[in-house]
Amino acid sequence: MRYRRPLPRRAIGRFNSCVLALRSSPRWGRLISRRLTVVTYTGRRSGRTFSTPVAFRRAGDTVTIGVQLPDAKTWWRNFLGEGGPISLQIDGIDRTGHAVAGRDEAGRVSVTVRLEQ
C-alpha cells in the first residue's frame, strides 16, 4: 500500500466544521443526520474529549461506522481490543454505547457500537 501524506489538521478541521454546520441547518440537517452523526470519545493516552462527524449505519441497537482511509486516521484506534465508551448523536438525542474497532482481511476498518438502553 502506498503511503498517503496526511491532510493538514486545519483542512480537516474546516471540513468537519462545514459538515457540522450542514448537519445542524434547518434545510439540510434532517436529511444529512440520517447518515451522519457526531461521535464523542475520550482519548486513551491523552484523556482529552474529542468529537468528530462520521457516517454510520444503524440496525436496532447496533451502529456500524465504516472508517474511510483508516491509516490516515487515529480516532478509531481508541476502540481496539476491548473497545471503550462512546457517545453518538442519533435522531437529535445523545446516546451512549460501547465501541469496538476491527480490521477485516481486506484491510477495511469498522467500529461497531452497541447502544445502551
Protein backbone atom coordinates (compact mmCIF):
# COMPACT_ATOMS: atom_id res chain seq x y z
CA MET A 1 0.00 0.00 0.00
CA ARG A 2 1.32 3.43 -0.89
CA TYR A 3 1.88 5.94 1.87
CA ARG A 4 -0.56 8.82 1.71
CA ARG A 5 0.52 12.15 3.06
CA PRO A 6 -1.94 13.20 5.77
CA LEU A 7 -4.14 16.22 5.24
CA PRO A 8 -3.22 19.30 7.26
CA ARG A 9 -5.15 19.46 10.54
CA ARG A 10 -6.52 22.87 9.61
CA ALA A 11 -8.09 21.48 6.40
CA ILE A 12 -9.65 18.59 8.31
CA GLY A 13 -10.98 20.99 10.94
CA ARG A 14 -12.57 23.19 8.29
CA PHE A 15 -14.16 20.22 6.54
CA ASN A 16 -15.56 18.89 9.83
CA SER A 17 -16.91 22.36 10.68
CA CYS A 18 -18.72 22.52 7.34
CA VAL A 19 -20.22 19.06 7.86
CA LEU A 20 -21.40 20.02 11.35
CA ALA A 21 -22.93 23.25 10.04
CA LEU A 22 -24.83 21.38 7.31
CA ARG A 23 -25.96 18.77 9.82
CA SER A 24 -27.49 21.43 12.07
CA SER A 25 -29.01 23.52 9.26
CA PRO A 26 -32.81 23.75 9.05
CA ARG A 27 -32.78 22.97 5.32
CA TRP A 28 -30.33 20.03 5.11
CA GLY A 29 -29.97 18.86 8.70
CA ARG A 30 -32.71 16.23 8.77
CA LEU A 31 -31.52 14.64 5.53
CA ILE A 32 -27.83 14.63 6.48
CA SER A 33 -28.48 13.41 10.03
CA ARG A 34 -29.89 10.15 8.68
CA ARG A 35 -26.39 9.02 7.68
CA LEU A 36 -24.02 11.31 9.61
CA THR A 37 -23.56 11.50 13.35
CA VAL A 38 -21.12 13.08 15.75
CA VAL A 39 -19.14 10.67 17.91
CA THR A 40 -17.64 11.84 21.19
CA TYR A 41 -14.99 9.82 22.99
CA THR A 42 -12.09 10.17 25.41
CA GLY A 43 -8.59 9.59 24.06
CA ARG A 44 -6.82 6.57 25.59
CA ARG A 45 -3.47 8.30 26.08
CA SER A 46 -4.37 11.97 26.33
CA GLY A 47 -7.54 11.67 28.40
CA ARG A 48 -8.96 14.54 26.32
CA THR A 49 -12.50 14.52 24.92
CA PHE A 50 -12.85 14.58 21.13
CA SER A 51 -15.83 14.89 18.79
CA THR A 52 -15.84 14.12 15.10
CA PRO A 53 -18.52 13.65 12.43
CA VAL A 54 -18.76 10.17 10.87
CA ALA A 55 -21.05 8.26 8.51
CA PHE A 56 -22.96 5.38 10.09
CA ARG A 57 -25.45 2.57 9.55
CA ARG A 58 -27.89 1.52 12.22
CA ALA A 59 -29.72 -1.75 12.79
CA GLY A 60 -31.66 -1.65 16.05
CA ASP A 61 -29.25 -1.04 18.92
CA THR A 62 -26.16 -1.67 16.77
CA VAL A 63 -24.41 1.14 14.92
CA THR A 64 -21.66 0.43 12.40
CA ILE A 65 -19.16 3.10 11.39
CA GLY A 66 -17.02 2.35 8.33
CA VAL A 67 -13.70 4.15 8.64
CA GLN A 68 -12.56 5.54 5.29
CA LEU A 69 -8.76 5.83 4.82
CA PRO A 70 -8.13 4.23 8.24
CA ASP A 71 -4.34 4.50 8.01
CA ALA A 72 -4.65 8.28 7.77
CA LYS A 73 -6.87 8.49 10.87
CA THR A 74 -6.26 7.68 14.51
CA TRP A 75 -9.58 8.13 16.33
CA TRP A 76 -10.77 4.55 15.73
CA ARG A 77 -7.66 3.11 17.39
CA ASN A 78 -9.11 4.15 20.75
CA PHE A 79 -11.53 1.22 20.34
CA LEU A 80 -9.14 -1.63 19.51
CA GLY A 81 -9.06 -4.69 21.73
CA GLU A 82 -11.70 -4.49 24.45
CA GLY A 83 -13.09 -1.26 22.97
CA GLY A 84 -14.39 1.60 25.05
CA PRO A 85 -17.22 4.02 25.78
CA ILE A 86 -18.53 6.32 23.09
CA SER A 87 -21.47 8.65 22.63
CA LEU A 88 -23.31 9.36 19.39
CA GLN A 89 -25.92 11.90 18.45
CA ILE A 90 -28.76 9.97 16.79
CA ASP A 91 -32.15 11.44 15.96
CA GLY A 92 -31.18 14.57 17.87
CA ILE A 93 -30.53 12.58 21.06
CA ASP A 94 -27.17 11.79 22.64
CA ARG A 95 -26.85 8.02 23.03
CA THR A 96 -24.05 6.18 24.81
CA GLY A 97 -22.63 2.80 23.99
CA HIS A 98 -19.62 0.54 23.84
CA ALA A 99 -17.50 0.63 20.67
CA VAL A 100 -15.10 -1.99 19.34
CA ALA A 101 -12.92 -1.47 16.26
CA GLY A 102 -11.76 -4.21 13.95
CA ARG A 103 -9.96 -4.65 10.64
CA ASP A 104 -11.05 -7.32 8.16
CA GLU A 105 -8.87 -9.41 5.81
CA ALA A 106 -9.15 -6.76 3.07
CA GLY A 107 -7.84 -4.05 5.41
CA ARG A 108 -11.18 -2.29 5.89
CA VAL A 109 -11.80 -0.91 9.36
CA SER A 110 -15.18 -0.65 11.05
CA VAL A 111 -16.25 0.39 14.51
CA THR A 112 -19.25 -1.46 15.93
CA VAL A 113 -21.20 0.32 18.66
CA ARG A 114 -23.69 -1.44 20.93
CA LEU A 115 -26.03 1.28 22.18
CA GLU A 116 -27.09 1.27 25.81
CA GLN A 117 -30.77 1.24 26.68
